[in-house]
Amino acid sequence: MSESVSEAEIAGNPETAGRAEPPAESHAPPEPAYDPAAPAPLNLPRTPTGDAEVDARLARLADADHLATDGHVEVYEDVHGGLRDALTALDGRPGPPVPSPSYEQSRS
């Protein structure tokens, strides 16, 4: 002989009052698993250098904050190349004029 008992009858029963009910099934979406390769901004301060070209290259580093780690290489290589070009350009700029050899002889 089997008896069927409703939940309302069980809830009012003093014998089952102290028993924990099974947790209600949650329909919340599962939390995303930790992904160490996921983009994570470093939020490092960038101090302006005063050179517009160099500052623009350094600002480009912020693009890496929104990329997975495997995308950082492209940004770093681009920034490195740009900074190298800026340094190379310094060698091509004319500096102060070099005194002529005759200037040195006339001072003696």
N, C-alpha and C. Protein backbone atom coordinates (compact mmCIF):
# COMPACT_ATOMS: atom_id res chain seq x y z
N MET A 1 0.83 -1.15 0.00
CA MET A 1 0.00 0.00 0.00
C MET A 1 0.89 1.23 0.00
N SER A 2 0.66 2.15 -0.92
CA SER A 2 1.47 3.35 -0.97
C SER A 2 0.60 4.55 -0.70
N GLU A 3 1.17 5.47 -0.03
CA GLU A 3 0.45 6.69 0.28
C GLU A 3 1.11 7.85 -0.44
N SER A 4 0.32 8.71 -0.99
CA SER A 4 0.92 9.90 -1.58
C SER A 4 0.63 11.05 -0.64
N VAL A 5 1.66 11.85 -0.41
CA VAL A 5 1.56 12.96 0.52
C VAL A 5 1.95 14.23 -0.21
N SER A 6 1.18 15.26 -0.04
CA SER A 6 1.50 16.53 -0.71
C SER A 6 2.58 17.26 0.08
N GLU A 7 3.22 18.21 -0.59
CA GLU A 7 4.27 19.00 0.07
C GLU A 7 3.70 19.84 1.18
N ALA A 8 2.48 20.29 1.02
CA ALA A 8 1.83 21.10 2.05
C ALA A 8 1.65 20.29 3.32
N GLU A 9 1.31 19.00 3.18
CA GLU A 9 1.14 18.14 4.34
C GLU A 9 2.47 17.89 5.02
N ILE A 10 3.54 17.75 4.23
CA ILE A 10 4.87 17.52 4.79
C ILE A 10 5.33 18.75 5.54
N ALA A 11 5.11 19.92 4.98
CA ALA A 11 5.55 21.17 5.61
C ALA A 11 4.89 21.36 6.96
N GLY A 12 3.63 20.92 7.12
CA GLY A 12 2.93 21.06 8.39
C GLY A 12 3.22 19.95 9.36
N ASN A 13 3.92 18.93 8.94
CA ASN A 13 4.21 17.78 9.78
C ASN A 13 5.38 18.08 10.70
N PRO A 14 5.19 17.98 12.02
CA PRO A 14 6.29 18.26 12.95
C PRO A 14 7.47 17.31 12.81
N GLU A 15 7.27 16.13 12.28
CA GLU A 15 8.37 15.18 12.10
C GLU A 15 9.34 15.64 11.02
N THR A 16 8.87 16.36 10.03
CA THR A 16 9.73 16.80 8.94
C THR A 16 10.15 18.25 9.10
N ALA A 17 9.70 18.92 10.14
CA ALA A 17 9.99 20.35 10.31
C ALA A 17 11.48 20.61 10.47
N GLY A 18 12.22 19.76 11.14
CA GLY A 18 13.65 19.99 11.38
C GLY A 18 14.53 19.56 10.23
N ARG A 19 13.99 18.84 9.28
CA ARG A 19 14.78 18.35 8.16
C ARG A 19 14.99 19.47 7.14
N ALA A 20 16.17 19.50 6.60
CA ALA A 20 16.48 20.50 5.57
C ALA A 20 15.90 20.04 4.25
N GLU A 21 15.27 20.96 3.58
CA GLU A 21 14.73 20.64 2.26
C GLU A 21 15.87 20.73 1.25
N PRO A 22 15.78 19.97 0.21
CA PRO A 22 16.83 20.09 -0.81
C PRO A 22 16.78 21.50 -1.40
N PRO A 23 17.93 22.06 -1.72
CA PRO A 23 17.96 23.43 -2.24
C PRO A 23 17.18 23.53 -3.55
N ALA A 24 16.50 24.63 -3.68
CA ALA A 24 15.76 24.87 -4.92
C ALA A 24 16.75 25.02 -6.06
N GLU A 25 16.41 24.50 -7.18
CA GLU A 25 17.30 24.56 -8.34
C GLU A 25 17.38 26.01 -8.83
N SER A 26 18.56 26.53 -8.90
CA SER A 26 18.76 27.91 -9.33
C SER A 26 18.83 27.99 -10.85
N HIS A 27 18.19 28.98 -11.40
CA HIS A 27 18.20 29.16 -12.85
C HIS A 27 19.14 30.29 -13.25
N ALA A 28 19.98 30.73 -12.31
CA ALA A 28 20.96 31.78 -12.62
C ALA A 28 22.03 31.19 -13.54
N PRO A 29 22.56 32.01 -14.46
CA PRO A 29 23.61 31.50 -15.34
C PRO A 29 24.86 31.17 -14.54
N PRO A 30 25.57 30.15 -14.92
CA PRO A 30 26.79 29.79 -14.19
C PRO A 30 27.83 30.89 -14.33
N GLU A 31 28.61 31.06 -13.27
CA GLU A 31 29.67 32.05 -13.32
C GLU A 31 30.73 31.60 -14.31
N PRO A 32 31.27 32.54 -15.09
CA PRO A 32 32.30 32.14 -16.05
C PRO A 32 33.54 31.65 -15.31
N ALA A 33 34.15 30.66 -15.86
CA ALA A 33 35.37 30.11 -15.27
C ALA A 33 36.51 31.11 -15.44
N TYR A 34 37.43 31.10 -14.52
CA TYR A 34 38.58 32.00 -14.60
C TYR A 34 39.42 31.64 -15.82
N ASP A 35 39.71 32.63 -16.62
CA ASP A 35 40.51 32.43 -17.82
C ASP A 35 41.74 33.33 -17.73
N PRO A 36 42.91 32.77 -17.42
CA PRO A 36 44.10 33.61 -17.26
C PRO A 36 44.51 34.32 -18.54
N ALA A 37 44.04 33.86 -19.69
CA ALA A 37 44.41 34.50 -20.95
C ALA A 37 43.40 35.57 -21.36
N ALA A 38 42.37 35.78 -20.55
CA ALA A 38 41.37 36.79 -20.88
C ALA A 38 41.97 38.18 -20.74
N PRO A 39 41.51 39.13 -21.54
CA PRO A 39 42.03 40.50 -21.44
C PRO A 39 41.79 41.07 -20.06
N ALA A 40 42.80 41.72 -19.53
CA ALA A 40 42.70 42.38 -18.23
C ALA A 40 43.56 43.63 -18.26
N PRO A 41 42.94 44.80 -18.20
CA PRO A 41 43.71 46.04 -18.24
C PRO A 41 44.70 46.12 -17.08
N LEU A 42 45.89 46.59 -17.38
CA LEU A 42 46.91 46.76 -16.34
C LEU A 42 46.75 48.09 -15.62
N ASN A 43 46.10 49.04 -16.29
CA ASN A 43 45.86 50.37 -15.72
C ASN A 43 47.14 51.04 -15.25
N LEU A 44 48.19 50.90 -16.01
CA LEU A 44 49.45 51.56 -15.67
C LEU A 44 49.41 53.00 -16.16
N PRO A 45 49.87 53.92 -15.33
CA PRO A 45 49.88 55.32 -15.78
C PRO A 45 50.94 55.53 -16.86
N ARG A 46 50.62 56.38 -17.81
CA ARG A 46 51.58 56.72 -18.87
C ARG A 46 51.85 58.20 -18.77
N THR A 47 53.07 58.55 -18.42
CA THR A 47 53.46 59.94 -18.29
C THR A 47 53.85 60.49 -19.65
N PRO A 48 53.24 61.60 -20.06
CA PRO A 48 53.59 62.18 -21.36
C PRO A 48 55.07 62.57 -21.41
N THR A 49 55.68 62.35 -22.56
CA THR A 49 57.09 62.66 -22.73
C THR A 49 57.30 64.06 -23.30
N GLY A 50 56.27 64.61 -23.91
CA GLY A 50 56.41 65.91 -24.56
C GLY A 50 56.66 65.79 -26.05
N ASP A 51 56.98 64.60 -26.52
CA ASP A 51 57.18 64.35 -27.94
C ASP A 51 55.90 63.67 -28.44
N ALA A 52 55.19 64.35 -29.35
CA ALA A 52 53.89 63.85 -29.81
C ALA A 52 53.99 62.45 -30.42
N GLU A 53 55.04 62.21 -31.20
CA GLU A 53 55.18 60.90 -31.85
C GLU A 53 55.40 59.79 -30.82
N VAL A 54 56.25 60.04 -29.85
CA VAL A 54 56.54 59.04 -28.81
C VAL A 54 55.30 58.83 -27.95
N ASP A 55 54.61 59.92 -27.59
CA ASP A 55 53.40 59.79 -26.77
C ASP A 55 52.32 58.99 -27.49
N ALA A 56 52.20 59.17 -28.79
CA ALA A 56 51.22 58.41 -29.56
C ALA A 56 51.56 56.92 -29.56
N ARG A 57 52.84 56.60 -29.66
CA ARG A 57 53.26 55.18 -29.63
C ARG A 57 52.99 54.57 -28.26
N LEU A 58 53.30 55.32 -27.22
CA LEU A 58 53.07 54.80 -25.87
C LEU A 58 51.57 54.64 -25.60
N ALA A 59 50.74 55.53 -26.14
CA ALA A 59 49.29 55.41 -25.97
C ALA A 59 48.78 54.14 -26.66
N ARG A 60 49.45 53.72 -27.70
CA ARG A 60 49.07 52.50 -28.43
C ARG A 60 49.18 51.27 -27.53
N LEU A 61 50.01 51.33 -26.50
CA LEU A 61 50.13 50.20 -25.58
C LEU A 61 48.79 49.87 -24.92
N ALA A 62 47.91 50.86 -24.78
CA ALA A 62 46.60 50.62 -24.17
C ALA A 62 45.78 49.65 -24.99
N ASP A 63 46.07 49.51 -26.28
CA ASP A 63 45.34 48.55 -27.12
C ASP A 63 45.54 47.12 -26.63
N ALA A 64 46.67 46.85 -26.01
CA ALA A 64 46.94 45.50 -25.52
C ALA A 64 46.03 45.14 -24.35
N ASP A 65 45.49 46.15 -23.66
CA ASP A 65 44.60 45.89 -22.53
C ASP A 65 43.32 45.17 -22.95
N HIS A 66 42.94 45.28 -24.20
CA HIS A 66 41.68 44.72 -24.66
C HIS A 66 41.87 43.45 -25.50
N LEU A 67 43.09 42.96 -25.54
CA LEU A 67 43.40 41.77 -26.34
C LEU A 67 43.79 40.62 -25.44
N ALA A 68 43.57 39.42 -25.93
CA ALA A 68 44.10 38.25 -25.23
C ALA A 68 45.63 38.29 -25.34
N THR A 69 46.30 37.56 -24.47
CA THR A 69 47.76 37.64 -24.42
C THR A 69 48.42 37.32 -25.75
N ASP A 70 47.82 36.45 -26.55
CA ASP A 70 48.45 36.12 -27.83
C ASP A 70 48.37 37.28 -28.82
N GLY A 71 47.57 38.30 -28.54
CA GLY A 71 47.49 39.48 -29.39
C GLY A 71 48.43 40.59 -28.97
N HIS A 72 49.07 40.45 -27.82
CA HIS A 72 49.97 41.49 -27.32
C HIS A 72 51.20 41.66 -28.18
N VAL A 73 51.70 40.58 -28.74
CA VAL A 73 52.95 40.62 -29.51
C VAL A 73 52.85 41.62 -30.64
N GLU A 74 51.76 41.61 -31.37
CA GLU A 74 51.59 42.54 -32.49
C GLU A 74 51.65 43.99 -32.02
N VAL A 75 50.99 44.29 -30.91
CA VAL A 75 50.99 45.66 -30.38
C VAL A 75 52.39 46.04 -29.93
N TYR A 76 53.06 45.16 -29.18
CA TYR A 76 54.40 45.47 -28.68
C TYR A 76 55.39 45.66 -29.83
N GLU A 77 55.29 44.83 -30.85
CA GLU A 77 56.20 44.98 -31.99
C GLU A 77 55.95 46.30 -32.72
N ASP A 78 54.69 46.68 -32.85
CA ASP A 78 54.35 47.94 -33.51
C ASP A 78 54.90 49.12 -32.71
N VAL A 79 54.70 49.10 -31.40
CA VAL A 79 55.19 50.19 -30.55
C VAL A 79 56.71 50.23 -30.57
N HIS A 80 57.34 49.08 -30.45
CA HIS A 80 58.80 49.02 -30.46
C HIS A 80 59.35 49.58 -31.78
N GLY A 81 58.76 49.17 -32.89
CA GLY A 81 59.21 49.66 -34.19
C GLY A 81 59.06 51.17 -34.30
N GLY A 82 57.93 51.69 -33.82
CA GLY A 82 57.70 53.13 -33.87
C GLY A 82 58.68 53.91 -33.00
N LEU A 83 58.96 53.39 -31.82
CA LEU A 83 59.93 54.07 -30.94
C LEU A 83 61.34 54.00 -31.53
N ARG A 84 61.67 52.87 -32.13
CA ARG A 84 62.98 52.73 -32.78
C ARG A 84 63.11 53.73 -33.93
N ASP A 85 62.04 53.90 -34.72
CA ASP A 85 62.05 54.87 -35.82
C ASP A 85 62.21 56.29 -35.29
N ALA A 86 61.55 56.59 -34.17
CA ALA A 86 61.66 57.93 -33.58
C ALA A 86 63.10 58.20 -33.12
N LEU A 87 63.74 57.20 -32.54
CA LEU A 87 65.13 57.36 -32.11
C LEU A 87 66.07 57.50 -33.32
N THR A 88 65.81 56.72 -34.34
CA THR A 88 66.63 56.81 -35.55
C THR A 88 66.50 58.18 -36.18
N ALA A 89 65.30 58.75 -36.15
CA ALA A 89 65.08 60.08 -36.72
C ALA A 89 65.88 61.15 -35.98
N LEU A 90 66.16 60.91 -34.71
CA LEU A 90 66.97 61.88 -33.97
C LEU A 90 68.37 61.99 -34.56
N ASP A 91 68.89 60.88 -35.09
CA ASP A 91 70.22 60.89 -35.70
C ASP A 91 70.24 61.70 -36.98
N GLY A 92 69.13 61.81 -37.66
CA GLY A 92 69.07 62.51 -38.94
C GLY A 92 68.83 64.00 -38.80
N ARG A 93 68.44 64.45 -37.61
CA ARG A 93 68.17 65.87 -37.42
C ARG A 93 69.50 66.63 -37.34
N PRO A 94 69.51 67.79 -37.93
CA PRO A 94 70.75 68.58 -37.84
C PRO A 94 70.97 69.09 -36.42
N GLY A 95 72.17 68.97 -35.97
CA GLY A 95 72.54 69.47 -34.66
C GLY A 95 73.17 70.84 -34.79
N PRO A 96 73.80 71.31 -33.73
CA PRO A 96 74.47 72.61 -33.82
C PRO A 96 75.61 72.54 -34.82
N PRO A 97 75.90 73.64 -35.50
CA PRO A 97 76.98 73.61 -36.49
C PRO A 97 78.33 73.30 -35.85
N VAL A 98 79.10 72.54 -36.57
CA VAL A 98 80.44 72.18 -36.10
C VAL A 98 81.37 73.31 -36.52
N PRO A 99 82.21 73.81 -35.59
CA PRO A 99 83.14 74.87 -35.96
C PRO A 99 84.11 74.40 -37.04
N SER A 100 84.40 75.27 -37.94
CA SER A 100 85.33 74.91 -39.02
C SER A 100 86.75 74.83 -38.46
N PRO A 101 87.61 74.06 -39.12
CA PRO A 101 88.99 73.94 -38.65
C PRO A 101 89.69 75.29 -38.63
N SER A 102 89.33 76.18 -39.53
CA SER A 102 90.00 77.48 -39.55
C SER A 102 89.66 78.28 -38.30
N TYR A 103 88.48 78.06 -37.71
CA TYR A 103 88.07 78.76 -36.50
C TYR A 103 89.01 78.37 -35.35
N GLU A 104 89.31 77.05 -35.27
CA GLU A 104 90.19 76.58 -34.21
C GLU A 104 91.61 77.14 -34.40
N GLN A 105 92.11 77.28 -35.62
CA GLN A 105 93.45 77.78 -35.87
C GLN A 105 93.54 79.27 -35.56
N SER A 106 92.47 80.00 -35.81
CA SER A 106 92.54 81.43 -35.58
C SER A 106 92.47 81.77 -34.10
N ARG A 107 91.99 80.89 -33.29
CA ARG A 107 91.90 81.12 -31.84
C ARG A 107 93.25 80.92 -31.18
N SER A 108 94.18 80.23 -31.81
CA SER A 108 95.44 79.92 -31.19
C SER A 108 96.39 81.05 -31.21
